[in-house]
Protein backbone atom coordinates (compact mmCIF):
# COMPACT_ATOMS: atom_id res chain seq x y z
CA MET A 1 0.00 0.00 0.00
CA LYS A 2 2.76 2.45 0.92
CA PRO A 3 4.68 2.10 -2.36
CA MET A 4 1.48 2.78 -4.29
CA LEU A 5 0.84 5.92 -2.22
CA TRP A 6 4.41 7.14 -2.80
CA ILE A 7 4.06 6.59 -6.55
CA LEU A 8 0.71 8.39 -6.53
CA LEU A 9 2.17 11.31 -4.57
CA VAL A 10 5.13 11.70 -6.92
CA ALA A 11 2.88 11.40 -9.99
CA ALA A 12 0.46 14.02 -8.64
CA LEU A 13 3.31 16.43 -7.86
CA ALA A 14 4.76 15.90 -11.35
CA ALA A 15 1.33 16.45 -12.90
CA GLY A 16 0.88 19.65 -10.90
CA LEU A 17 4.27 20.88 -12.08
CA TYR A 18 3.41 20.01 -15.68
CA PHE A 19 -0.02 21.66 -15.55
CA THR A 20 1.41 24.79 -13.98
CA ASN A 21 4.45 25.30 -16.22
CA PHE A 22 4.21 23.37 -19.47
CA ALA A 23 0.61 22.54 -20.39
CA ASP A 24 -1.15 24.91 -22.75
CA LEU A 25 -4.35 25.00 -20.71
CA THR A 26 -6.44 28.09 -20.14
CA GLY A 27 -9.34 29.10 -17.95
CA THR A 28 -11.44 26.47 -16.26
CA THR A 29 -9.48 23.57 -17.72
CA SER A 30 -6.28 24.83 -16.12
CA ILE A 31 -7.94 25.31 -12.75
CA LEU A 32 -9.57 21.88 -12.80
CA ALA A 33 -6.30 20.17 -13.78
CA ARG A 34 -4.37 21.85 -10.96
CA VAL A 35 -7.11 21.25 -8.39
CA GLY A 36 -7.35 17.60 -9.41
CA SER A 37 -3.64 16.99 -9.08
CA GLY A 38 -3.63 18.86 -5.77
CA VAL A 39 -6.45 16.76 -4.35
CA VAL A 40 -4.66 13.56 -5.36
CA ALA A 41 -1.40 14.80 -3.81
CA ILE A 42 -3.13 15.76 -0.55
CA GLY A 43 -4.98 12.44 -0.48
CA ALA A 44 -1.78 10.46 -1.01
CA GLY A 45 -0.01 12.51 1.67
CA VAL A 46 -2.80 11.90 4.17
CA GLY A 47 -2.78 8.21 3.29
CA LEU A 48 0.96 8.03 3.92
CA TRP A 49 0.56 9.88 7.19
CA LEU A 50 -2.19 7.50 8.34
CA THR A 51 -0.14 4.41 7.47
CA ARG A 52 3.03 5.53 9.26
CA SER A 53 4.42 3.26 11.94
CA ASP A 54 4.64 4.31 15.57
CA GLU A 55 8.21 3.05 15.90
CA PRO A 56 10.84 5.70 16.60
CA ALA A 57 13.26 6.32 13.76
């Protein structure tokens, strides 16, 4: 589960970077693409936080 969440987090961050800097999107499409990648990134981050172990590092 954790590797999948890490891959999802990295992919969402890369998508957000792409949508912000390189994609030729305008208006509502641009906003929806960035919001979507942000929601996925936040969801993956929360999932990773919830699955952390309680052992000290």
